[in-house]
Amino acid sequence: MAEIVRMPKLSDTMSEGVVAAWHKKVGDKVKSGDLLAEIETDKATMEFESFQDGVLLHIGVESGKSAPVNSILAILGENGEDISELIKEVPVAKVESVPVKEEIKETPKPSANVVAEKREDIKPVNDDGRIKASPLAKKVAEDKGININALKGTGDNGRIIKRDVDNYTPAAASSSSSFTGVESYTEESVSQMRKVIARRLAESKFSAPHFYLTMEIDMNNAMEARKSINAVSPVKVSFNDLVIKACANALRKHPKINSSWLGDKIRYNQHVNIGVAVAVEEGLLVPVVRFADNKSISQITEEVKAFAQKAKDKKLQPSDWEGNTFTISNLGMFGIEEFTAIINPPDACILAVGGIKEVPVVKNGQVVPGNIMKVTLSCDHRVVDGASGAAFLQTLKQYLENPVLMLAF
């Protein structure tokens, strides 16, 4: 039964294709995998292989002519078959259709041994020494890590086609072939937590126009302050706790950073609720330190540690992660020096905190050892301008480089 071969969609932006050349003519026998035509897309000229056997009964697009995707490119079927109804199915470009009057006589099929002998004689190599293989076969072989030289072609004149790559197994390779590993994978259903994370972050990334500001902060004084605090504090204060406190104080001075985009209005929050990103096995949770600007560093430390334990035990409640006005994500403990974070709705900003790195710095004209921490502020440009974000970072830098200033609050 005759089958329509349609103009393929060979790229994501292709709407029509141009037939650069036909490799078969009306009346020719075509096997699956044979090179049928070369088609020019908006990106490249690609070889198009047949996916079925038959006789080429009709060419729907002449060489050099264009046709829309899914229009009739050709029709394959049995010799002498009536295809008039198929041709009427859809409008096509200028058609070349030659009726096949003489029946094509099939030659007797040789025995399997003869086929094997002839196949061995065929060397799929061009005159210039290159392996004869279709671009699709080369691409699939490359993706699968298969040496194209190890394959035997079953296409025209020993040409290697996609079918040969698909049928290739490492066991069929000779002892001289390079080792080929076994591809394997596992799949698991997406958890509800991961679904929510994916949805919220996608909404944020593709709806809020992000821009990023990075600043280096000298942490020498903060390191000394932390050492002095931990000498008397009942709980051990982390650098992240100092960052939370410094951000809380800076947000009071820069309310535009502590804001939210609500579509037809902007909300400037007068309270400071800082979300602290906590990694768990299933994803990322962001419990909220409420009224962080009114809490001492030790209070912040106790609250963050409690949240981390509850997150690990899967005991966080919705009330624990709702109401944030600003978020901090710290990957410094994993050795990350610098990164950018996606804004956590409904916040207008999120601060990405890197690790403290010992580097040479210049002070008073002298090169001395220093401890530098990089922070990057991601901002929603609908709410925050570059100057506002920069002013916030300058205040944050002032607090962390002079910790006594934030301890006075």
Protein backbone atom coordinates (compact mmCIF):
# COMPACT_ATOMS: atom_id res chain seq x y z
CA MET A 1 0.00 0.00 0.00
CA ALA A 2 1.36 3.41 -0.98
CA GLU A 3 2.64 5.69 1.81
CA ILE A 4 3.25 9.42 1.86
CA VAL A 5 6.72 10.65 2.80
CA ARG A 6 6.28 14.13 4.24
CA MET A 7 8.66 17.05 4.41
CA PRO A 8 10.37 16.45 7.80
CA LYS A 9 10.89 19.03 10.53
CA LEU A 10 14.66 18.82 10.86
CA SER A 11 15.16 21.71 13.30
CA ASP A 12 13.13 23.36 16.02
CA THR A 13 12.70 26.55 13.96
CA MET A 14 12.12 24.95 10.55
CA SER A 15 8.82 25.85 8.88
CA GLU A 16 9.71 24.82 5.33
CA GLY A 17 12.47 22.95 3.58
CA VAL A 18 14.22 23.17 0.21
CA VAL A 19 15.11 19.97 -1.65
CA ALA A 20 18.76 20.51 -2.51
CA ALA A 21 19.05 17.22 -4.43
CA TRP A 22 17.26 13.93 -5.05
CA HIS A 23 19.28 10.72 -4.79
CA LYS A 24 16.47 8.60 -6.21
CA LYS A 25 14.26 9.10 -9.27
CA VAL A 26 10.69 8.02 -9.94
CA GLY A 27 10.64 4.26 -10.59
CA ASP A 28 13.67 3.48 -8.42
CA LYS A 29 13.41 0.87 -5.71
CA VAL A 30 14.03 2.29 -2.24
CA LYS A 31 15.03 0.41 0.88
CA SER A 32 14.67 1.61 4.47
CA GLY A 33 17.84 3.50 5.29
CA ASP A 34 18.62 4.49 1.69
CA LEU A 35 19.55 8.12 1.10
CA LEU A 36 16.45 9.63 -0.50
CA ALA A 37 17.20 13.35 -0.74
CA GLU A 38 19.21 16.25 0.65
CA ILE A 39 17.06 18.85 2.38
CA GLU A 40 18.14 22.39 3.18
CA THR A 41 16.73 23.75 6.44
CA ASP A 42 17.12 27.19 8.00
CA LYS A 43 20.28 25.93 9.71
CA ALA A 44 21.98 23.35 7.45
CA THR A 45 21.68 20.95 4.53
CA MET A 46 20.93 17.49 5.85
CA GLU A 47 20.67 14.05 4.29
CA PHE A 48 17.20 12.50 4.53
CA GLU A 49 16.95 8.70 4.69
CA SER A 50 13.92 6.61 3.80
CA PHE A 51 12.13 4.92 6.68
CA GLN A 52 10.31 2.39 4.50
CA ASP A 53 10.77 0.07 1.53
CA GLY A 54 9.05 0.47 -1.82
CA VAL A 55 9.18 2.01 -5.27
CA LEU A 56 9.43 5.78 -5.61
CA LEU A 57 6.10 6.54 -7.33
CA HIS A 58 5.91 10.30 -6.95
CA ILE A 59 8.17 13.27 -6.21
CA GLY A 60 6.24 16.13 -4.64
CA VAL A 61 8.99 18.78 -4.52
CA GLU A 62 11.47 19.33 -7.34
CA SER A 63 15.15 19.93 -6.66
CA GLY A 64 15.68 23.56 -5.74
CA LYS A 65 12.04 24.05 -4.75
CA SER A 66 10.68 24.64 -1.25
CA ALA A 67 7.67 23.19 0.54
CA PRO A 68 6.14 23.55 4.04
CA VAL A 69 6.85 21.03 6.77
CA ASN A 70 4.48 18.02 6.57
CA SER A 71 3.64 18.61 2.90
CA ILE A 72 4.04 15.70 0.44
CA LEU A 73 7.74 15.16 -0.26
CA ALA A 74 7.33 11.82 -2.04
CA ILE A 75 5.14 8.73 -2.26
CA LEU A 76 6.45 5.18 -1.97
CA GLY A 77 4.46 2.08 -2.82
CA GLU A 78 4.21 -0.87 -5.15
CA ASN A 79 4.97 -0.59 -8.84
CA GLY A 80 1.96 0.59 -10.84
CA GLU A 81 -0.13 1.48 -7.77
CA ASP A 82 -2.80 4.21 -8.16
CA ILE A 83 -1.78 7.23 -6.05
CA SER A 84 -4.12 9.86 -7.47
CA GLU A 85 -6.19 10.11 -4.28
CA LEU A 86 -3.09 10.55 -2.11
CA ILE A 87 -1.80 13.38 -4.27
CA LYS A 88 -5.09 15.25 -3.84
CA GLU A 89 -4.82 15.10 -0.04
CA VAL A 90 -3.03 18.42 0.49
CA PRO A 91 -1.75 21.27 -1.72
CA VAL A 92 1.89 20.75 -2.62
CA ALA A 93 4.61 22.57 -4.49
CA LYS A 94 5.20 22.04 -8.18
CA VAL A 95 4.97 18.32 -8.76
CA GLU A 96 7.01 15.96 -10.83
CA SER A 97 5.03 12.76 -11.29
CA VAL A 98 5.99 10.14 -13.81
CA PRO A 99 3.76 7.09 -14.18
CA VAL A 100 5.60 3.81 -14.05
CA LYS A 101 4.47 1.83 -17.09
CA GLU A 102 6.83 -1.09 -17.07
CA GLU A 103 6.81 -3.55 -14.27
CA ILE A 104 10.12 -3.78 -12.53
CA LYS A 105 11.35 -7.33 -12.52
CA GLU A 106 12.87 -8.46 -9.28
CA THR A 107 16.10 -10.39 -9.56
CA PRO A 108 16.40 -13.64 -7.60
CA LYS A 109 17.72 -13.10 -4.13
CA PRO A 110 21.16 -14.64 -3.63
CA SER A 111 21.78 -17.07 -0.84
CA ALA A 112 22.80 -15.87 2.59
CA ASN A 113 26.37 -17.05 1.98
CA VAL A 114 26.60 -15.04 -1.24
CA VAL A 115 25.22 -11.96 0.52
CA ALA A 116 27.76 -12.33 3.26
CA GLU A 117 30.60 -12.70 0.78
CA LYS A 118 29.53 -9.63 -1.17
CA ARG A 119 29.10 -7.60 2.02
CA GLU A 120 32.64 -8.42 3.07
CA ASP A 121 33.88 -7.14 -0.30
CA ILE A 122 32.10 -3.79 0.14
CA LYS A 123 34.29 -1.23 1.86
CA PRO A 124 32.24 1.78 3.07
CA VAL A 125 35.02 4.24 2.24
CA ASN A 126 34.92 7.23 -0.11
CA ASP A 127 37.64 7.90 -2.66
CA ASP A 128 39.27 10.31 -0.24
CA GLY A 129 39.51 7.62 2.44
CA ARG A 130 36.62 8.82 4.60
CA ILE A 131 34.09 6.38 6.03
CA LYS A 132 30.80 6.43 4.10
CA ALA A 133 28.11 7.06 6.71
CA SER A 134 25.02 9.23 6.92
CA PRO A 135 25.17 12.31 9.15
CA LEU A 136 22.40 10.83 11.31
CA ALA A 137 24.37 7.59 11.76
CA LYS A 138 27.49 9.57 12.71
CA LYS A 139 25.54 11.66 15.22
CA VAL A 140 23.88 8.63 16.87
CA ALA A 141 27.22 6.77 17.00
CA GLU A 142 28.89 9.78 18.63
CA ASP A 143 26.10 10.09 21.21
CA LYS A 144 26.37 6.39 22.05
CA GLY A 145 30.17 6.42 22.18
CA ILE A 146 30.44 3.92 19.31
CA ASN A 147 33.48 3.90 17.01
CA ILE A 148 31.99 4.37 13.53
CA ASN A 149 34.98 2.51 12.04
CA ALA A 150 33.84 -0.68 13.80
CA LEU A 151 30.52 -0.79 11.92
CA LYS A 152 29.59 -2.49 8.66
CA GLY A 153 27.16 -0.62 6.46
CA THR A 154 23.97 -2.09 5.03
CA GLY A 155 23.00 0.94 2.96
CA ASP A 156 23.82 1.69 -0.66
CA ASN A 157 27.36 0.55 -1.55
CA GLY A 158 28.08 -0.39 2.04
CA ARG A 159 27.09 3.03 3.41
CA ILE A 160 26.62 3.06 7.21
CA ILE A 161 23.13 4.18 8.19
CA LYS A 162 21.30 4.70 11.50
CA ARG A 163 19.99 1.12 11.50
CA ASP A 164 23.57 -0.19 11.60
CA VAL A 165 24.32 1.91 14.67
CA ASP A 166 21.10 0.86 16.41
CA ASN A 167 21.84 -2.83 15.75
CA TYR A 168 25.45 -2.64 16.87
CA THR A 169 26.38 -4.41 20.12
CA PRO A 170 29.79 -4.45 21.84
CA ALA A 171 29.82 -8.25 21.60
CA ALA A 172 29.88 -7.96 17.82
CA ALA A 173 33.03 -5.88 17.86
CA SER A 174 36.43 -7.39 17.16
CA SER A 175 39.04 -7.78 19.86
CA SER A 176 40.83 -4.69 18.56
CA SER A 177 37.80 -2.46 19.21
CA SER A 178 37.97 0.01 22.07
CA PHE A 179 36.05 -0.79 25.24
CA THR A 180 32.40 0.27 25.22
CA GLY A 181 30.57 0.66 28.54
CA VAL A 182 27.00 -0.31 29.25
CA GLU A 183 24.55 2.57 29.44
CA SER A 184 22.23 2.47 32.43
CA TYR A 185 20.06 4.79 34.50
CA THR A 186 17.41 4.88 37.18
CA GLU A 187 14.29 7.00 37.37
CA GLU A 188 12.20 8.08 40.30
CA SER A 189 9.01 10.04 40.63
CA VAL A 190 9.36 13.74 41.38
CA SER A 191 8.50 14.50 44.99
CA GLN A 192 5.88 17.11 45.79
CA MET A 193 8.58 19.26 47.39
CA ARG A 194 10.67 19.17 44.23
CA LYS A 195 7.59 19.99 42.13
CA VAL A 196 6.88 23.07 44.25
CA ILE A 197 10.54 24.15 44.15
CA ALA A 198 10.62 23.74 40.37
CA ARG A 199 7.40 25.67 39.87
CA ARG A 200 8.27 28.56 42.18
CA LEU A 201 11.82 29.01 40.91
CA ALA A 202 10.73 28.78 37.27
CA GLU A 203 8.05 31.41 37.89
CA SER A 204 10.63 33.62 39.59
CA LYS A 205 13.37 33.22 37.00
CA PHE A 206 11.16 33.75 33.97
CA SER A 207 8.86 36.45 35.37
CA ALA A 208 11.26 38.59 37.43
CA PRO A 209 14.00 40.35 35.42
CA HIS A 210 17.07 39.45 37.48
CA PHE A 211 20.27 41.44 37.67
CA TYR A 212 23.28 40.71 39.85
CA LEU A 213 25.69 42.74 41.97
CA THR A 214 28.85 41.18 43.44
CA MET A 215 31.04 42.65 46.18
CA GLU A 216 34.13 41.50 48.08
CA ILE A 217 34.11 41.87 51.87
CA ASP A 218 37.16 41.82 54.13
CA MET A 219 36.25 39.33 56.88
CA ASN A 220 39.33 39.74 59.12
CA ASN A 221 37.48 41.76 61.78
CA ALA A 222 34.42 39.51 61.54
CA MET A 223 36.63 36.48 62.19
CA GLU A 224 38.11 38.12 65.28
CA ALA A 225 34.64 39.19 66.48
CA ARG A 226 33.27 35.66 66.04
CA LYS A 227 36.18 34.25 68.02
CA SER A 228 35.51 36.69 70.89
CA ILE A 229 31.74 36.04 70.85
CA ASN A 230 32.17 32.25 70.91
CA ALA A 231 34.49 32.56 73.88
CA VAL A 232 31.56 33.73 76.06
CA SER A 233 28.41 32.76 74.16
CA PRO A 234 26.39 29.69 75.29
CA VAL A 235 25.92 28.77 71.59
CA LYS A 236 28.53 28.75 68.87
CA VAL A 237 27.94 31.55 66.40
CA SER A 238 28.62 30.85 62.70
CA PHE A 239 29.68 33.28 60.01
CA ASN A 240 26.25 32.82 58.47
CA ASP A 241 24.67 34.09 61.71
CA LEU A 242 26.81 37.23 61.45
CA VAL A 243 25.69 37.68 57.83
CA ILE A 244 22.02 37.33 58.84
CA LYS A 245 22.40 39.97 61.55
CA ALA A 246 24.31 42.32 59.23
CA CYS A 247 21.65 41.93 56.53
CA ALA A 248 18.85 42.54 59.02
CA ASN A 249 20.43 45.82 60.13
CA ALA A 250 21.19 46.87 56.54
CA LEU A 251 17.61 46.15 55.43
CA ARG A 252 16.30 48.65 57.98
CA LYS A 253 18.32 51.34 56.22
CA HIS A 254 17.35 50.19 52.72
CA PRO A 255 13.61 49.37 52.66
CA LYS A 256 13.57 49.08 48.86
CA ILE A 257 15.59 45.87 49.19
CA ASN A 258 13.09 44.59 51.78
CA SER A 259 10.17 44.76 49.35
CA SER A 260 7.88 42.73 47.08
CA TRP A 261 6.45 43.12 43.59
CA LEU A 262 2.65 42.68 43.65
CA GLY A 263 1.86 43.42 40.01
CA ASP A 264 -0.01 46.71 40.30
CA LYS A 265 1.84 47.87 43.42
CA ILE A 266 5.07 47.46 45.38
CA ARG A 267 4.99 46.47 49.04
CA TYR A 268 7.74 47.98 51.23
CA ASN A 269 7.91 45.79 54.32
CA GLN A 270 8.58 47.57 57.61
CA HIS A 271 9.38 44.28 59.34
CA VAL A 272 12.48 42.21 58.52
CA ASN A 273 11.85 38.48 58.09
CA ILE A 274 14.90 36.73 56.66
CA GLY A 275 14.57 33.37 54.93
CA VAL A 276 17.59 31.09 55.41
CA ALA A 277 18.04 28.42 52.73
CA VAL A 278 18.54 24.95 54.25
CA ALA A 279 19.47 21.98 52.05
CA VAL A 280 17.64 18.70 52.73
CA GLU A 281 17.70 15.41 50.87
CA GLU A 282 14.54 16.17 48.88
CA GLY A 283 15.52 19.71 47.91
CA LEU A 284 15.70 23.11 49.56
CA LEU A 285 13.67 24.58 52.40
CA VAL A 286 13.71 28.22 53.49
CA PRO A 287 12.66 28.66 57.13
CA VAL A 288 12.20 32.26 58.22
CA VAL A 289 13.92 34.14 61.06
CA ARG A 290 11.20 36.65 61.93
CA PHE A 291 11.99 40.20 63.09
CA ALA A 292 15.69 39.40 62.68
CA ASP A 293 16.63 43.07 63.11
CA ASN A 294 15.33 43.00 66.70
CA LYS A 295 17.18 39.80 67.70
CA SER A 296 20.68 39.34 69.06
CA ILE A 297 23.22 37.23 67.21
CA SER A 298 22.92 34.42 69.78
CA GLN A 299 19.12 34.40 69.39
CA ILE A 300 19.52 34.15 65.62
CA THR A 301 22.03 31.32 66.08
CA GLU A 302 19.67 29.29 68.30
CA GLU A 303 16.75 29.80 65.92
CA VAL A 304 18.70 28.81 62.80
CA LYS A 305 20.05 25.66 64.48
CA ALA A 306 16.55 24.69 65.58
CA PHE A 307 15.26 25.17 62.03
CA ALA A 308 18.09 23.07 60.61
CA GLN A 309 17.28 20.19 62.97
CA LYS A 310 13.56 20.40 62.24
CA ALA A 311 14.31 20.39 58.51
CA LYS A 312 16.51 17.31 58.91
CA ASP A 313 13.77 15.56 60.91
CA LYS A 314 11.11 16.68 58.40
CA LYS A 315 9.21 18.51 61.12
CA LEU A 316 9.11 22.00 59.63
CA GLN A 317 5.61 23.42 59.43
CA PRO A 318 4.24 25.82 56.77
CA SER A 319 4.33 28.63 59.35
CA ASP A 320 8.11 28.09 59.58
CA TRP A 321 8.76 28.94 55.92
CA GLU A 322 6.12 31.58 55.22
CA GLY A 323 6.41 35.37 55.46
CA ASN A 324 9.98 35.99 54.25
CA THR A 325 10.85 39.50 53.06
CA PHE A 326 14.50 38.75 52.12
CA THR A 327 16.47 35.52 51.64
CA ILE A 328 20.06 34.39 52.19
CA SER A 329 21.64 31.37 50.49
CA ASN A 330 25.09 30.38 51.76
CA LEU A 331 27.24 27.77 50.01
CA GLY A 332 30.52 28.88 51.55
CA MET A 333 30.71 25.78 53.74
CA PHE A 334 30.86 23.67 50.56
CA GLY A 335 33.91 25.51 49.24
CA ILE A 336 31.95 27.64 46.76
CA GLU A 337 33.65 31.02 46.32
CA GLU A 338 30.94 32.80 44.32
CA PHE A 339 27.54 32.04 42.78
CA THR A 340 24.21 33.61 41.85
CA ALA A 341 20.87 32.62 43.35
CA ILE A 342 17.32 32.76 41.98
CA ILE A 343 15.03 35.17 43.83
CA ASN A 344 12.73 33.48 46.35
CA PRO A 345 9.19 34.88 45.82
CA PRO A 346 7.72 37.15 47.04
CA ASP A 347 11.08 38.76 47.87
CA ALA A 348 12.63 41.33 45.58
CA CYS A 349 16.19 40.21 46.42
CA ILE A 350 18.27 37.25 47.54
CA LEU A 351 21.88 37.27 48.76
CA ALA A 352 24.26 34.49 47.66
CA VAL A 353 27.14 34.07 50.11
CA GLY A 354 30.41 32.37 49.16
CA GLY A 355 33.20 31.00 51.32
CA ILE A 356 35.94 32.98 53.04
CA LYS A 357 39.20 32.68 51.14
CA GLU A 358 42.66 33.71 52.31
CA VAL A 359 44.23 35.88 49.61
CA PRO A 360 46.86 38.62 49.38
CA VAL A 361 45.34 42.09 49.75
CA VAL A 362 46.76 45.59 49.64
CA LYS A 363 46.44 47.65 52.83
CA ASN A 364 48.13 50.98 53.33
CA GLY A 365 50.26 50.34 50.27
CA GLN A 366 51.46 46.96 51.55
CA VAL A 367 50.56 43.45 50.36
CA VAL A 368 49.36 41.49 53.38
CA PRO A 369 47.32 38.30 53.98
CA GLY A 370 43.58 38.88 53.93
CA ASN A 371 40.35 36.90 54.26
CA ILE A 372 37.87 37.80 51.53
CA MET A 373 34.24 36.72 51.18
CA LYS A 374 32.26 37.37 48.00
CA VAL A 375 28.54 38.07 48.12
CA THR A 376 26.19 38.44 45.16
CA LEU A 377 22.83 40.20 45.40
CA SER A 378 20.19 39.04 42.89
CA CYS A 379 17.64 41.81 42.36
CA ASP A 380 14.21 42.04 40.74
CA HIS A 381 14.66 45.01 38.42
CA ARG A 382 10.94 45.77 38.56
CA VAL A 383 11.46 46.84 42.18
CA VAL A 384 15.15 47.48 42.76
CA ASP A 385 17.53 49.59 40.71
CA GLY A 386 21.27 49.09 40.48
CA ALA A 387 22.09 52.06 42.71
CA SER A 388 19.72 50.84 45.45
CA GLY A 389 21.25 47.36 45.39
CA ALA A 390 24.79 48.78 45.48
CA ALA A 391 23.95 51.03 48.44
CA PHE A 392 22.61 48.03 50.37
CA LEU A 393 25.80 46.04 49.70
CA GLN A 394 27.94 48.96 50.86
CA THR A 395 26.04 49.07 54.16
CA LEU A 396 26.32 45.28 54.53
CA LYS A 397 30.05 45.50 53.87
CA GLN A 398 30.37 48.24 56.51
CA TYR A 399 28.68 46.09 59.15
CA LEU A 400 30.70 42.94 58.43
CA GLU A 401 34.02 44.78 58.22
CA ASN A 402 33.18 46.63 61.48
CA PRO A 403 31.11 44.13 63.51
CA VAL A 404 30.96 46.42 66.52
CA LEU A 405 28.53 48.63 64.58
CA MET A 406 25.90 45.92 64.32
CA LEU A 407 26.46 44.70 67.87
CA ALA A 408 25.45 48.16 69.10
CA PHE A 409 21.84 47.60 67.94
